Structures are given as structure tokens and as C-alpha cells.
Amino acid sequence: MIAYVTVGADDIARAEQFYSAFLPALGYKLEKYHGDLSYILPVPLGKSPVSPDFYVKSPFNGDPASAGNGAMVAFEGSSQSQIRDLHSAALAAGGSDEGQPGFRTSYGSHFFVGYLRDPHGNKIALFSDNIDEPRRDG
């Protein structure tokens, strides 16, 4: 099980604006620790976490943050309309578009996804795979 995912950021305030535009809508609670951001999913008492936490941190070695080539973090939403709304909110909060929300022919018929880059270049996917919603033709 993946416990957490971390991305680097040189401008934590700008990263907070971007990630706080959509992660709280997916159930994440923001905690700040030593100037870094921790987005945590609540875990009911007596239960184990089922999804990883997401951290945004200044690089420990002091070098500039950089996005990993080929690396991407995907967050699952509940519906196609939520993915559209969160993608728009993330763009308005300083992200850049890497692919408007929609179906992709190389994925399953219900896999609805939008791609973004955060202000530091990290690639983010927002997706829904809800079988109760319309599916891709074909």
C-alpha cells in the first residue's frame, strides 16, 4: 500500500492555492507542518488508511524543485461533473492544462480524466471511473 506521495515546490503559497482549489472537495484536510503542506484523508477511528496522504514540500537538499519526467499523481473523484469542476478550479488557481476532462480511447469506457500541471510543473490527473455515468462510445 502506498502511504504517501510527495511533490516538491519552491513557492509553497502558490502550491497551496493550486492544491486547495480541488483537494478539499475530494475529502482531503490541509495540515501545515514546518511551512510544508500535508493533505490528509480522514481515517475513522479503528480503521486503516485506504488512500495515501499527499505532501507538498520544499526540497530537503535545498536545490530547486523540479517535476519528474513521466511522473504523475492521480486523484479520483466521484463523477464526471466533479472532474470538470475541479479541473476548472485548479486552472483558475494557477495550474496549466495538460488535457481537458473527457474520455480517452486508450482507457476503459467509463474512465473520464483531465490532466493538469501544478505551478511547479508536477503532472496531476483528476479522474472518475463511475460505471453509473455515461460511457465513452465505442
C-alpha atoms as a PDB file:
ATOM      1  CA  MET A   1       0.000   0.000   0.000  1.00  0.00           C
ATOM      2  CA  ILE A   2       1.280   3.466  -0.823  1.00  0.00           C
ATOM      3  CA  ALA A   3       1.324   5.538   2.387  1.00  0.00           C
ATOM      4  CA  TYR A   4       2.030   8.961   0.886  1.00  0.00           C
ATOM      5  CA  VAL A   5       3.082  10.843  -2.232  1.00  0.00           C
ATOM      6  CA  THR A   6       5.298  13.942  -2.126  1.00  0.00           C
ATOM      7  CA  VAL A   7       5.895  16.622  -4.749  1.00  0.00           C
ATOM      8  CA  GLY A   8       8.369  19.449  -4.485  1.00  0.00           C
ATOM      9  CA  ALA A   9       7.553  23.148  -4.601  1.00  0.00           C
ATOM     10  CA  ASP A  10       9.638  26.309  -4.403  1.00  0.00           C
ATOM     11  CA  ASP A  11       6.614  28.538  -3.739  1.00  0.00           C
ATOM     12  CA  ILE A  12       4.512  26.872  -1.041  1.00  0.00           C
ATOM     13  CA  ALA A  13       1.870  29.634  -1.033  1.00  0.00           C
ATOM     14  CA  ARG A  14       1.297  29.208  -4.770  1.00  0.00           C
ATOM     15  CA  ALA A  15       1.179  25.414  -4.363  1.00  0.00           C
ATOM     16  CA  GLU A  16      -1.359  25.777  -1.555  1.00  0.00           C
ATOM     17  CA  GLN A  17      -3.577  27.952  -3.751  1.00  0.00           C
ATOM     18  CA  PHE A  18      -3.471  25.307  -6.521  1.00  0.00           C
ATOM     19  CA  TYR A  19      -3.967  22.150  -4.430  1.00  0.00           C
ATOM     20  CA  SER A  20      -6.538  23.716  -2.093  1.00  0.00           C
ATOM     21  CA  ALA A  21      -8.659  24.506  -5.170  1.00  0.00           C
ATOM     22  CA  PHE A  22      -9.564  20.811  -5.540  1.00  0.00           C
ATOM     23  CA  LEU A  23      -8.206  18.502  -2.824  1.00  0.00           C
ATOM     24  CA  PRO A  24     -10.672  19.566  -0.080  1.00  0.00           C
ATOM     25  CA  ALA A  25     -13.546  18.691  -2.463  1.00  0.00           C
ATOM     26  CA  LEU A  26     -12.085  15.174  -2.637  1.00  0.00           C
ATOM     27  CA  GLY A  27     -12.103  14.879   1.164  1.00  0.00           C
ATOM     28  CA  TYR A  28      -8.525  15.960   1.953  1.00  0.00           C
ATOM     29  CA  LYS A  29      -7.852  18.104   5.015  1.00  0.00           C
ATOM     30  CA  LEU A  30      -4.903  20.509   4.888  1.00  0.00           C
ATOM     31  CA  GLU A  31      -2.373  20.411   7.703  1.00  0.00           C
ATOM     32  CA  LYS A  32       0.679  22.675   7.698  1.00  0.00           C
ATOM     33  CA  TYR A  33       3.892  21.462   9.273  1.00  0.00           C
ATOM     34  CA  HIS A  34       7.139  23.460   9.326  1.00  0.00           C
ATOM     35  CA  GLY A  35       5.964  25.505   6.332  1.00  0.00           C
ATOM     36  CA  ASP A  36       5.108  22.464   4.199  1.00  0.00           C
ATOM     37  CA  LEU A  37       1.654  21.210   3.190  1.00  0.00           C
ATOM     38  CA  SER A  38       0.132  17.879   4.176  1.00  0.00           C
ATOM     39  CA  TYR A  39      -3.182  16.913   2.596  1.00  0.00           C
ATOM     40  CA  ILE A  40      -4.623  14.113   4.704  1.00  0.00           C
ATOM     41  CA  LEU A  41      -7.710  11.958   4.191  1.00  0.00           C
ATOM     42  CA  PRO A  42      -9.619  11.416   7.435  1.00  0.00           C
ATOM     43  CA  VAL A  43      -9.462   7.868   8.793  1.00  0.00           C
ATOM     44  CA  PRO A  44     -12.292   6.655  11.033  1.00  0.00           C
ATOM     45  CA  LEU A  45     -11.203   5.535  14.495  1.00  0.00           C
ATOM     46  CA  GLY A  46     -10.067   1.915  14.429  1.00  0.00           C
ATOM     47  CA  LYS A  47      -9.707   1.819  10.626  1.00  0.00           C
ATOM     48  CA  SER A  48      -6.603   1.726   8.446  1.00  0.00           C
ATOM     49  CA  PRO A  49      -5.958   4.332   5.749  1.00  0.00           C
ATOM     50  CA  VAL A  50      -7.046   3.233   2.274  1.00  0.00           C
ATOM     51  CA  SER A  51      -5.565   6.080   0.230  1.00  0.00           C
ATOM     52  CA  PRO A  52      -2.214   7.826   0.515  1.00  0.00           C
ATOM     53  CA  ASP A  53      -1.622  11.232   2.032  1.00  0.00           C
ATOM     54  CA  PHE A  54      -0.305  13.921  -0.300  1.00  0.00           C
ATOM     55  CA  TYR A  55       2.565  16.208   0.720  1.00  0.00           C
ATOM     56  CA  VAL A  56       3.910  19.364  -0.895  1.00  0.00           C
ATOM     57  CA  LYS A  57       7.363  20.240   0.397  1.00  0.00           C
ATOM     58  CA  SER A  58      10.388  22.356  -0.308  1.00  0.00           C
ATOM     59  CA  PRO A  59      13.181  20.025  -1.455  1.00  0.00           C
ATOM     60  CA  PHE A  60      15.181  18.852   1.551  1.00  0.00           C
ATOM     61  CA  ASN A  61      18.514  19.281  -0.228  1.00  0.00           C
ATOM     62  CA  GLY A  62      17.867  22.975  -0.900  1.00  0.00           C
ATOM     63  CA  ASP A  63      18.001  22.600  -4.694  1.00  0.00           C
ATOM     64  CA  PRO A  64      15.122  23.983  -6.791  1.00  0.00           C
ATOM     65  CA  ALA A  65      12.021  21.816  -7.071  1.00  0.00           C
ATOM     66  CA  SER A  66      11.547  20.080 -10.400  1.00  0.00           C
ATOM     67  CA  ALA A  67       8.851  17.850 -11.846  1.00  0.00           C
ATOM     68  CA  GLY A  68       9.677  14.227 -12.533  1.00  0.00           C
ATOM     69  CA  ASN A  69       9.628  13.420 -16.235  1.00  0.00           C
ATOM     70  CA  GLY A  70       6.972  10.737 -16.647  1.00  0.00           C
ATOM     71  CA  ALA A  71       5.789  11.047 -13.038  1.00  0.00           C
ATOM     72  CA  MET A  72       2.134  11.812 -12.334  1.00  0.00           C
ATOM     73  CA  VAL A  73      -0.203  11.758  -9.344  1.00  0.00           C
ATOM     74  CA  ALA A  74      -3.855  10.835  -9.948  1.00  0.00           C
ATOM     75  CA  PHE A  75      -6.769  11.771  -7.704  1.00  0.00           C
ATOM     76  CA  GLU A  76     -10.131  10.005  -8.025  1.00  0.00           C
ATOM     77  CA  GLY A  77     -13.370  11.942  -7.931  1.00  0.00           C
ATOM     78  CA  SER A  78     -16.937  10.720  -7.783  1.00  0.00           C
ATOM     79  CA  SER A  79     -18.387  11.950 -11.067  1.00  0.00           C
ATOM     80  CA  GLN A  80     -17.629  13.386 -14.475  1.00  0.00           C
ATOM     81  CA  SER A  81     -19.138  16.732 -13.486  1.00  0.00           C
ATOM     82  CA  GLN A  82     -16.952  16.868 -10.377  1.00  0.00           C
ATOM     83  CA  ILE A  83     -13.867  16.226 -12.508  1.00  0.00           C
ATOM     84  CA  ARG A  84     -14.847  19.064 -14.870  1.00  0.00           C
ATOM     85  CA  ASP A  85     -15.443  21.424 -11.928  1.00  0.00           C
ATOM     86  CA  LEU A  86     -12.208  20.515 -10.127  1.00  0.00           C
ATOM     87  CA  HIS A  87     -10.156  20.772 -13.316  1.00  0.00           C
ATOM     88  CA  SER A  88     -11.551  24.291 -13.869  1.00  0.00           C
ATOM     89  CA  ALA A  89     -10.906  25.255 -10.244  1.00  0.00           C
ATOM     90  CA  ALA A  90      -7.312  24.025 -10.449  1.00  0.00           C
ATOM     91  CA  LEU A  91      -6.730  26.014 -13.661  1.00  0.00           C
ATOM     92  CA  ALA A  92      -8.156  29.137 -12.023  1.00  0.00           C
ATOM     93  CA  ALA A  93      -5.834  28.539  -9.061  1.00  0.00           C
ATOM     94  CA  GLY A  94      -2.661  28.684 -11.153  1.00  0.00           C
ATOM     95  CA  GLY A  95      -2.477  25.312 -12.871  1.00  0.00           C
ATOM     96  CA  SER A  96      -1.957  24.744 -16.573  1.00  0.00           C
ATOM     97  CA  ASP A  97      -3.969  22.453 -18.817  1.00  0.00           C
ATOM     98  CA  GLU A  98      -2.429  19.176 -19.978  1.00  0.00           C
ATOM     99  CA  GLY A  99      -5.675  17.707 -21.334  1.00  0.00           C
ATOM    100  CA  GLN A 100      -9.267  18.789 -20.878  1.00  0.00           C
ATOM    101  CA  PRO A 101     -11.570  16.387 -18.989  1.00  0.00           C
ATOM    102  CA  GLY A 102     -13.019  13.701 -21.185  1.00  0.00           C
ATOM    103  CA  PHE A 103     -12.754  10.094 -22.277  1.00  0.00           C
ATOM    104  CA  ARG A 104      -9.522   8.701 -23.718  1.00  0.00           C
ATOM    105  CA  THR A 105      -9.730   5.893 -26.258  1.00  0.00           C
ATOM    106  CA  SER A 106      -6.812   4.016 -24.699  1.00  0.00           C
ATOM    107  CA  TYR A 107      -8.602   3.620 -21.330  1.00  0.00           C
ATOM    108  CA  GLY A 108     -11.773   1.874 -20.184  1.00  0.00           C
ATOM    109  CA  SER A 109     -15.163   3.011 -21.426  1.00  0.00           C
ATOM    110  CA  HIS A 110     -16.051   4.780 -18.150  1.00  0.00           C
ATOM    111  CA  PHE A 111     -12.627   6.295 -17.409  1.00  0.00           C
ATOM    112  CA  PHE A 112     -13.140  10.082 -17.532  1.00  0.00           C
ATOM    113  CA  VAL A 113      -9.962  12.101 -16.911  1.00  0.00           C
ATOM    114  CA  GLY A 114      -8.493  15.598 -17.053  1.00  0.00           C
ATOM    115  CA  TYR A 115      -4.788  16.431 -16.811  1.00  0.00           C
ATOM    116  CA  LEU A 116      -3.059  19.460 -15.276  1.00  0.00           C
ATOM    117  CA  ARG A 117       0.343  20.752 -14.274  1.00  0.00           C
ATOM    118  CA  ASP A 118       0.682  22.435 -10.906  1.00  0.00           C
ATOM    119  CA  PRO A 119       2.541  25.771 -10.727  1.00  0.00           C
ATOM    120  CA  HIS A 120       5.841  23.868 -10.344  1.00  0.00           C
ATOM    121  CA  GLY A 121       5.325  21.549 -13.310  1.00  0.00           C
ATOM    122  CA  ASN A 122       4.144  18.399 -11.493  1.00  0.00           C
ATOM    123  CA  LYS A 123       1.600  16.477 -13.567  1.00  0.00           C
ATOM    124  CA  ILE A 124      -1.768  15.796 -11.943  1.00  0.00           C
ATOM    125  CA  ALA A 125      -4.668  13.666 -13.170  1.00  0.00           C
ATOM    126  CA  LEU A 126      -8.230  14.036 -11.924  1.00  0.00           C
ATOM    127  CA  PHE A 127     -10.417  11.088 -12.896  1.00  0.00           C
ATOM    128  CA  SER A 128     -13.711   9.315 -12.375  1.00  0.00           C
ATOM    129  CA  ASP A 129     -14.411   5.717 -13.322  1.00  0.00           C
ATOM    130  CA  ASN A 130     -18.045   5.681 -12.236  1.00  0.00           C
ATOM    131  CA  ILE A 131     -19.920   2.899 -14.035  1.00  0.00           C
ATOM    132  CA  ASP A 132     -23.272   4.578 -13.275  1.00  0.00           C
ATOM    133  CA  GLU A 133     -22.442   7.532 -15.546  1.00  0.00           C
ATOM    134  CA  PRO A 134     -22.418   7.843 -19.327  1.00  0.00           C
ATOM    135  CA  ARG A 135     -19.668   5.887 -21.036  1.00  0.00           C
ATOM    136  CA  ARG A 136     -17.423   6.539 -23.985  1.00  0.00           C
ATOM    137  CA  ASP A 137     -18.914   5.473 -27.296  1.00  0.00           C
ATOM    138  CA  GLY A 138     -17.192   2.543 -28.928  1.00  0.00           C
END
